[in-house]
PDB file of N, CA and C in Angstrom:
ATOM      1  N   MET A   1    -127.327 -41.555  25.059  1.00  0.00           N
ATOM      2  CA  MET A   1    -128.312 -42.117  24.154  1.00  0.00           C
ATOM      3  C   MET A   1    -128.732 -41.050  23.147  1.00  0.00           C
ATOM      4  N   THR A   2    -128.623 -41.377  21.883  1.00  0.00           N
ATOM      5  CA  THR A   2    -129.033 -40.475  20.823  1.00  0.00           C
ATOM      6  C   THR A   2    -130.501 -40.711  20.515  1.00  0.00           C
ATOM      7  N   LEU A   3    -131.242 -39.639  20.479  1.00  0.00           N
ATOM      8  CA  LEU A   3    -132.668 -39.736  20.175  1.00  0.00           C
ATOM      9  C   LEU A   3    -132.867 -39.509  18.686  1.00  0.00           C
ATOM     10  N   SER A   4    -133.648 -40.368  18.053  1.00  0.00           N
ATOM     11  CA  SER A   4    -133.893 -40.228  16.626  1.00  0.00           C
ATOM     12  C   SER A   4    -135.051 -39.253  16.379  1.00  0.00           C
ATOM     13  N   TYR A   5    -135.062 -38.712  15.187  1.00  0.00           N
ATOM     14  CA  TYR A   5    -136.133 -37.808  14.782  1.00  0.00           C
ATOM     15  C   TYR A   5    -137.490 -38.502  14.906  1.00  0.00           C
ATOM     16  N   GLU A   6    -137.556 -39.742  14.459  1.00  0.00           N
ATOM     17  CA  GLU A   6    -138.818 -40.485  14.495  1.00  0.00           C
ATOM     18  C   GLU A   6    -139.326 -40.655  15.925  1.00  0.00           C
ATOM     19  N   PHE A   7    -138.416 -40.979  16.843  1.00  0.00           N
ATOM     20  CA  PHE A   7    -138.791 -41.124  18.248  1.00  0.00           C
ATOM     21  C   PHE A   7    -139.361 -39.807  18.782  1.00  0.00           C
ATOM     22  N   LEU A   8    -138.677 -38.719  18.496  1.00  0.00           N
ATOM     23  CA  LEU A   8    -139.093 -37.415  19.015  1.00  0.00           C
ATOM     24  C   LEU A   8    -140.442 -36.981  18.443  1.00  0.00           C
ATOM     25  N   ILE A   9    -140.652 -37.198  17.162  1.00  0.00           N
ATOM     26  CA  ILE A   9    -141.932 -36.843  16.542  1.00  0.00           C
ATOM     27  C   ILE A   9    -143.058 -37.707  17.099  1.00  0.00           C
ATOM     28  N   THR A  10    -142.765 -38.969  17.349  1.00  0.00           N
ATOM     29  CA  THR A  10    -143.776 -39.851  17.950  1.00  0.00           C
ATOM     30  C   THR A  10    -144.195 -39.327  19.316  1.00  0.00           C
ATOM     31  N   ARG A  11    -143.220 -38.923  20.129  1.00  0.00           N
ATOM     32  CA  ARG A  11    -143.546 -38.368  21.456  1.00  0.00           C
ATOM     33  C   ARG A  11    -144.356 -37.082  21.307  1.00  0.00           C
ATOM     34  N   ALA A  12    -144.007 -36.239  20.336  1.00  0.00           N
ATOM     35  CA  ALA A  12    -144.757 -34.996  20.117  1.00  0.00           C
ATOM     36  C   ALA A  12    -146.195 -35.302  19.723  1.00  0.00           C
ATOM     37  N   ASP A  13    -146.372 -36.274  18.847  1.00  0.00           N
ATOM     38  CA  ASP A  13    -147.728 -36.649  18.422  1.00  0.00           C
ATOM     39  C   ASP A  13    -148.538 -37.208  19.593  1.00  0.00           C
ATOM     40  N   GLU A  14    -147.885 -37.986  20.450  1.00  0.00           N
ATOM     41  CA  GLU A  14    -148.576 -38.516  21.632  1.00  0.00           C
ATOM     42  C   GLU A  14    -149.002 -37.382  22.563  1.00  0.00           C
ATOM     43  N   ALA A  15    -148.133 -36.401  22.728  1.00  0.00           N
ATOM     44  CA  ALA A  15    -148.470 -35.261  23.588  1.00  0.00           C
ATOM     45  C   ALA A  15    -149.624 -34.461  22.979  1.00  0.00           C
ATOM     46  N   ALA A  16    -149.629 -34.315  21.653  1.00  0.00           N
ATOM     47  CA  ALA A  16    -150.726 -33.602  20.982  1.00  0.00           C
ATOM     48  C   ALA A  16    -152.046 -34.333  21.179  1.00  0.00           C
ATOM     49  N   THR A  17    -152.008 -35.647  21.085  1.00  0.00           N
ATOM     50  CA  THR A  17    -153.215 -36.450  21.318  1.00  0.00           C
ATOM     51  C   THR A  17    -153.695 -36.291  22.756  1.00  0.00           C
ATOM     52  N   GLU A  18    -152.741 -36.332  23.682  1.00  0.00           N
ATOM     53  CA  GLU A  18    -153.094 -36.147  25.097  1.00  0.00           C
ATOM     54  C   GLU A  18    -153.748 -34.780  25.314  1.00  0.00           C
ATOM     55  N   ALA A  19    -153.207 -33.747  24.688  1.00  0.00           N
ATOM     56  CA  ALA A  19    -153.777 -32.409  24.831  1.00  0.00           C
ATOM     57  C   ALA A  19    -155.189 -32.351  24.256  1.00  0.00           C
ATOM     58  N   HIS A  20    -155.373 -32.970  23.105  1.00  0.00           N
ATOM     59  CA  HIS A  20    -156.688 -32.972  22.453  1.00  0.00           C
ATOM     60  C   HIS A  20    -157.734 -33.699  23.300  1.00  0.00           C
ATOM     61  N   GLU A  21    -157.313 -34.758  23.979  1.00  0.00           N
ATOM     62  CA  GLU A  21    -158.247 -35.572  24.760  1.00  0.00           C
ATOM     63  C   GLU A  21    -158.415 -35.093  26.201  1.00  0.00           C
ATOM     64  N   ALA A  22    -157.595 -34.161  26.627  1.00  0.00           N
ATOM     65  CA  ALA A  22    -157.625 -33.708  28.027  1.00  0.00           C
ATOM     66  C   ALA A  22    -158.910 -32.938  28.320  1.00  0.00           C
ATOM     67  N   SER A  23    -159.481 -33.224  29.471  1.00  0.00           N
ATOM     68  CA  SER A  23    -160.679 -32.485  29.886  1.00  0.00           C
ATOM     69  C   SER A  23    -160.310 -31.346  30.837  1.00  0.00           C
ATOM     70  N   LEU A  24    -159.179 -31.454  31.474  1.00  0.00           N
ATOM     71  CA  LEU A  24    -158.726 -30.405  32.385  1.00  0.00           C
ATOM     72  C   LEU A  24    -157.779 -29.450  31.659  1.00  0.00           C
ATOM     73  N   ASP A  25    -158.000 -28.165  31.874  1.00  0.00           N
ATOM     74  CA  ASP A  25    -157.206 -27.153  31.182  1.00  0.00           C
ATOM     75  C   ASP A  25    -155.721 -27.261  31.520  1.00  0.00           C
ATOM     76  N   ASN A  26    -155.393 -27.493  32.796  1.00  0.00           N
ATOM     77  CA  ASN A  26    -153.975 -27.567  33.170  1.00  0.00           C
ATOM     78  C   ASN A  26    -153.287 -28.780  32.539  1.00  0.00           C
ATOM     79  N   VAL A  27    -154.012 -29.881  32.381  1.00  0.00           N
ATOM     80  CA  VAL A  27    -153.461 -31.072  31.726  1.00  0.00           C
ATOM     81  C   VAL A  27    -153.250 -30.780  30.239  1.00  0.00           C
ATOM     82  N   ARG A  28    -154.217 -30.110  29.624  1.00  0.00           N
ATOM     83  CA  ARG A  28    -154.105 -29.732  28.220  1.00  0.00           C
ATOM     84  C   ARG A  28    -152.896 -28.827  28.004  1.00  0.00           C
ATOM     85  N   GLN A  29    -152.742 -27.835  28.855  1.00  0.00           N
ATOM     86  CA  GLN A  29    -151.612 -26.903  28.723  1.00  0.00           C
ATOM     87  C   GLN A  29    -150.274 -27.609  28.906  1.00  0.00           C
ATOM     88  N   ARG A  30    -150.205 -28.511  29.869  1.00  0.00           N
ATOM     89  CA  ARG A  30    -148.965 -29.268  30.088  1.00  0.00           C
ATOM     90  C   ARG A  30    -148.629 -30.104  28.863  1.00  0.00           C
ATOM     91  N   ALA A  31    -149.638 -30.759  28.296  1.00  0.00           N
ATOM     92  CA  ALA A  31    -149.412 -31.598  27.118  1.00  0.00           C
ATOM     93  C   ALA A  31    -148.987 -30.751  25.916  1.00  0.00           C
ATOM     94  N   LEU A  32    -149.564 -29.575  25.773  1.00  0.00           N
ATOM     95  CA  LEU A  32    -149.173 -28.685  24.672  1.00  0.00           C
ATOM     96  C   LEU A  32    -147.731 -28.201  24.832  1.00  0.00           C
ATOM     97  N   ARG A  33    -147.338 -27.905  26.060  1.00  0.00           N
ATOM     98  CA  ARG A  33    -145.931 -27.517  26.307  1.00  0.00           C
ATOM     99  C   ARG A  33    -145.006 -28.678  25.999  1.00  0.00           C
ATOM    100  N   SER A  34    -145.424 -29.864  26.388  1.00  0.00           N
ATOM    101  CA  SER A  34    -144.636 -31.058  26.114  1.00  0.00           C
ATOM    102  C   SER A  34    -144.517 -31.280  24.605  1.00  0.00           C
ATOM    103  N   GLU A  35    -145.605 -31.154  23.907  1.00  0.00           N
ATOM    104  CA  GLU A  35    -145.578 -31.307  22.446  1.00  0.00           C
ATOM    105  C   GLU A  35    -144.602 -30.315  21.816  1.00  0.00           C
ATOM    106  N   ALA A  36    -144.680 -29.063  22.240  1.00  0.00           N
ATOM    107  CA  ALA A  36    -143.785 -28.042  21.687  1.00  0.00           C
ATOM    108  C   ALA A  36    -142.321 -28.390  21.947  1.00  0.00           C
ATOM    109  N   ALA A  37    -142.028 -28.849  23.151  1.00  0.00           N
ATOM    110  CA  ALA A  37    -140.644 -29.204  23.492  1.00  0.00           C
ATOM    111  C   ALA A  37    -140.155 -30.381  22.639  1.00  0.00           C
ATOM    112  N   TRP A  38    -140.992 -31.403  22.466  1.00  0.00           N
ATOM    113  CA  TRP A  38    -140.605 -32.549  21.636  1.00  0.00           C
ATOM    114  C   TRP A  38    -140.363 -32.117  20.199  1.00  0.00           C
ATOM    115  N   ARG A  39    -141.203 -31.229  19.696  1.00  0.00           N
ATOM    116  CA  ARG A  39    -141.040 -30.776  18.299  1.00  0.00           C
ATOM    117  C   ARG A  39    -139.763 -29.950  18.127  1.00  0.00           C
ATOM    118  N   VAL A  40    -139.430 -29.141  19.115  1.00  0.00           N
ATOM    119  CA  VAL A  40    -138.168 -28.387  19.055  1.00  0.00           C
ATOM    120  C   VAL A  40    -136.987 -29.351  19.040  1.00  0.00           C
ATOM    121  N   MET A  41    -137.034 -30.355  19.904  1.00  0.00           N
ATOM    122  CA  MET A  41    -135.949 -31.343  19.933  1.00  0.00           C
ATOM    123  C   MET A  41    -135.858 -32.090  18.605  1.00  0.00           C
ATOM    124  N   ALA A  42    -137.009 -32.412  18.013  1.00  0.00           N
ATOM    125  CA  ALA A  42    -137.019 -33.111  16.723  1.00  0.00           C
ATOM    126  C   ALA A  42    -136.403 -32.236  15.636  1.00  0.00           C
ATOM    127  N   ALA A  43    -136.758 -30.964  15.617  1.00  0.00           N
ATOM    128  CA  ALA A  43    -136.197 -30.043  14.619  1.00  0.00           C
ATOM    129  C   ALA A  43    -134.685 -29.915  14.782  1.00  0.00           C
ATOM    130  N   ARG A  44    -134.231 -29.806  16.013  1.00  0.00           N
ATOM    131  CA  ARG A  44    -132.786 -29.718  16.259  1.00  0.00           C
ATOM    132  C   ARG A  44    -132.078 -30.988  15.802  1.00  0.00           C
ATOM    133  N   THR A  45    -132.685 -32.128  16.079  1.00  0.00           N
ATOM    134  CA  THR A  45    -132.098 -33.403  15.673  1.00  0.00           C
ATOM    135  C   THR A  45    -132.016 -33.488  14.157  1.00  0.00           C
ATOM    136  N   ARG A  46    -133.077 -33.108  13.477  1.00  0.00           N
ATOM    137  CA  ARG A  46    -133.074 -33.146  12.005  1.00  0.00           C
ATOM    138  C   ARG A  46    -132.012 -32.199  11.449  1.00  0.00           C
ATOM    139  N   ASN A  47    -131.916 -31.000  12.016  1.00  0.00           N
ATOM    140  CA  ASN A  47    -130.899 -30.050  11.552  1.00  0.00           C
ATOM    141  C   ASN A  47    -129.493 -30.602  11.781  1.00  0.00           C
ATOM    142  N   MET A  48    -129.284 -31.220  12.925  1.00  0.00           N
ATOM    143  CA  MET A  48    -127.972 -31.789  13.237  1.00  0.00           C
ATOM    144  C   MET A  48    -127.645 -32.913  12.245  1.00  0.00           C
ATOM    145  N   GLU A  49    -128.627 -33.746  11.917  1.00  0.00           N
ATOM    146  CA  GLU A  49    -128.405 -34.822  10.951  1.00  0.00           C
ATOM    147  C   GLU A  49    -128.031 -34.244   9.591  1.00  0.00           C
ATOM    148  N   ARG A  50    -128.700 -33.187   9.185  1.00  0.00           N
ATOM    149  CA  ARG A  50    -128.390 -32.544   7.896  1.00  0.00           C
ATOM    150  C   ARG A  50    -126.983 -31.956   7.899  1.00  0.00           C
ATOM    151  N   GLU A  51    -126.618 -31.296   8.981  1.00  0.00           N
ATOM    152  CA  GLU A  51    -125.279 -30.702   9.078  1.00  0.00           C
ATOM    153  C   GLU A  51    -124.197 -31.780   9.074  1.00  0.00           C
ATOM    154  N   ARG A  52    -124.444 -32.874   9.747  1.00  0.00           N
ATOM    155  CA  ARG A  52    -123.476 -33.985   9.739  1.00  0.00           C
ATOM    156  C   ARG A  52    -123.303 -34.535   8.335  1.00  0.00           C
ATOM    157  N   GLU A  53    -124.403 -34.679   7.604  1.00  0.00           N
ATOM    158  CA  GLU A  53    -124.328 -35.184   6.242  1.00  0.00           C
ATOM    159  C   GLU A  53    -123.578 -34.201   5.341  1.00  0.00           C
ATOM    160  N   LYS A  54    -123.844 -32.912   5.496  1.00  0.00           N
ATOM    161  CA  LYS A  54    -123.115 -31.907   4.716  1.00  0.00           C
ATOM    162  C   LYS A  54    -121.623 -31.970   5.021  1.00  0.00           C
ATOM    163  N   ALA A  55    -121.273 -32.107   6.287  1.00  0.00           N
ATOM    164  CA  ALA A  55    -119.861 -32.191   6.678  1.00  0.00           C
ATOM    165  C   ALA A  55    -119.229 -33.451   6.111  1.00  0.00           C
ATOM    166  N   ARG A  56    -119.948 -34.556   6.140  1.00  0.00           N
ATOM    167  CA  ARG A  56    -119.426 -35.808   5.589  1.00  0.00           C
ATOM    168  C   ARG A  56    -119.167 -35.675   4.091  1.00  0.00           C
ATOM    169  N   LEU A  57    -120.116 -35.076   3.374  1.00  0.00           N
ATOM    170  CA  LEU A  57    -119.956 -34.885   1.930  1.00  0.00           C
ATOM    171  C   LEU A  57    -118.788 -33.950   1.621  1.00  0.00           C
ATOM    172  N   GLU A  58    -118.644 -32.906   2.401  1.00  0.00           N
ATOM    173  CA  GLU A  58    -117.536 -31.970   2.200  1.00  0.00           C
ATOM    174  C   GLU A  58    -116.200 -32.663   2.457  1.00  0.00           C
ATOM    175  N   GLN A  59    -116.128 -33.465   3.499  1.00  0.00           N
ATOM    176  CA  GLN A  59    -114.904 -34.202   3.806  1.00  0.00           C
ATOM    177  C   GLN A  59    -114.579 -35.171   2.668  1.00  0.00           C
ATOM    178  N   GLU A  60    -115.585 -35.834   2.140  1.00  0.00           N
ATOM    179  CA  GLU A  60    -115.387 -36.755   1.022  1.00  0.00           C
ATOM    180  C   GLU A  60    -114.912 -35.995  -0.217  1.00  0.00           C
ATOM    181  N   ARG A  61    -115.515 -34.833  -0.477  1.00  0.00           N
ATOM    182  CA  ARG A  61    -115.119 -34.017  -1.628  1.00  0.00           C
ATOM    183  C   ARG A  61    -113.659 -33.595  -1.509  1.00  0.00           C
ATOM    184  N   ARG A  62    -113.258 -33.160  -0.310  1.00  0.00           N
ATOM    185  CA  ARG A  62    -111.871 -32.752  -0.088  1.00  0.00           C
ATOM    186  C   ARG A  62    -110.907 -33.918  -0.281  1.00  0.00           C
ATOM    187  N   LYS A  63    -111.303 -35.082   0.196  1.00  0.00           N
ATOM    188  CA  LYS A  63    -110.453 -36.269   0.063  1.00  0.00           C
ATOM    189  C   LYS A  63    -110.254 -36.608  -1.407  1.00  0.00           C
ATOM    190  N   ILE A  64    -111.316 -36.560  -2.190  1.00  0.00           N
ATOM    191  CA  ILE A  64    -111.226 -36.849  -3.622  1.00  0.00           C
ATOM    192  C   ILE A  64    -110.353 -35.809  -4.312  1.00  0.00           C
ATOM    193  N   ALA A  65    -110.532 -34.544  -3.971  1.00  0.00           N
ATOM    194  CA  ALA A  65    -109.721 -33.478  -4.574  1.00  0.00           C
ATOM    195  C   ALA A  65    -108.255 -33.650  -4.213  1.00  0.00           C
ATOM    196  N   GLU A  66    -107.987 -34.022  -2.985  1.00  0.00           N
ATOM    197  CA  GLU A  66    -106.606 -34.233  -2.549  1.00  0.00           C
ATOM    198  C   GLU A  66    -105.982 -35.406  -3.297  1.00  0.00           C
ATOM    199  N   GLN A  67    -106.721 -36.484  -3.458  1.00  0.00           N
ATOM    200  CA  GLN A  67    -106.213 -37.636  -4.201  1.00  0.00           C
ATOM    201  C   GLN A  67    -105.958 -37.271  -5.656  1.00  0.00           C
ATOM    202  N   ARG A  68    -106.842 -36.480  -6.241  1.00  0.00           N
ATOM    203  CA  ARG A  68    -106.688 -36.045  -7.628  1.00  0.00           C
ATOM    204  C   ARG A  68    -105.442 -35.185  -7.774  1.00  0.00           C
ATOM    205  N   ASP A  69    -105.218 -34.283  -6.802  1.00  0.00           N
ATOM    206  CA  ASP A  69    -104.061 -33.394  -6.857  1.00  0.00           C
ATOM    207  C   ASP A  69    -102.754 -34.150  -6.674  1.00  0.00           C
ATOM    208  N   GLN A  70    -102.806 -35.290  -5.996  1.00  0.00           N
ATOM    209  CA  GLN A  70    -101.597 -36.068  -5.743  1.00  0.00           C
ATOM    210  C   GLN A  70    -101.378 -37.161  -6.796  1.00  0.00           C
ATOM    211  N   ALA A  71    -102.285 -37.318  -7.743  1.00  0.00           N
ATOM    212  CA  ALA A  71    -102.151 -38.354  -8.773  1.00  0.00           C
ATOM    213  C   ALA A  71    -101.005 -37.997  -9.714  1.00  0.00           C
ATOM    214  N   PRO A  72    -100.294 -39.002 -10.232  1.00  0.00           N
ATOM    215  CA  PRO A  72     -99.230 -38.730 -11.205  1.00  0.00           C
ATOM    216  C   PRO A  72     -99.831 -38.020 -12.432  1.00  0.00           C
ATOM    217  N   PRO A  73     -99.055 -37.175 -13.100  1.00  0.00           N
ATOM    218  CA  PRO A  73     -99.571 -36.398 -14.234  1.00  0.00           C
ATOM    219  C   PRO A  73    -100.218 -37.254 -15.326  1.00  0.00           C
ATOM    220  N   ALA A  74     -99.686 -38.421 -15.582  1.00  0.00           N
ATOM    221  CA  ALA A  74    -100.260 -39.282 -16.616  1.00  0.00           C
ATOM    222  C   ALA A  74    -101.673 -39.738 -16.267  1.00  0.00           C
ATOM    223  N   LEU A  75    -101.954 -39.883 -14.969  1.00  0.00           N
ATOM    224  CA  LEU A  75    -103.281 -40.330 -14.535  1.00  0.00           C
ATOM    225  C   LEU A  75    -104.201 -39.156 -14.242  1.00  0.00           C
ATOM    226  N   ALA A  76    -103.653 -37.991 -14.016  1.00  0.00           N
ATOM    227  CA  ALA A  76    -104.455 -36.844 -13.608  1.00  0.00           C
ATOM    228  C   ALA A  76    -105.492 -36.471 -14.661  1.00  0.00           C
ATOM    229  N   LYS A  77    -105.154 -36.633 -15.955  1.00  0.00           N
ATOM    230  CA  LYS A  77    -106.109 -36.237 -17.001  1.00  0.00           C
ATOM    231  C   LYS A  77    -107.319 -37.164 -17.069  1.00  0.00           C
ATOM    232  N   PHE A  78    -107.246 -38.344 -16.440  1.00  0.00           N
ATOM    233  CA  PHE A  78    -108.350 -39.288 -16.456  1.00  0.00           C
ATOM    234  C   PHE A  78    -109.265 -39.154 -15.245  1.00  0.00           C
ATOM    235  N   THR A  79    -108.898 -38.312 -14.288  1.00  0.00           N
ATOM    236  CA  THR A  79    -109.726 -38.172 -13.090  1.00  0.00           C
ATOM    237  C   THR A  79    -110.545 -36.940 -13.139  1.00  0.00           C
TER     238      THR A  79
END
């Protein structure tokens, strides 16, 4: 199961709310650790999404360049 950035941030926000509302110190600390972990996972997910998009764009760029290089000379000047 792939976790989305939005899902992870929502869980982090819920943990932050739990920490803010906690009356017991150990509960507050647990919620803060949970919030930090969710935010790290969200950041990693966002970075992975960005890297995938960069790779997709690079693959598309290479494909276009390859098609251009293989075009007949008469058509090459129009691409």
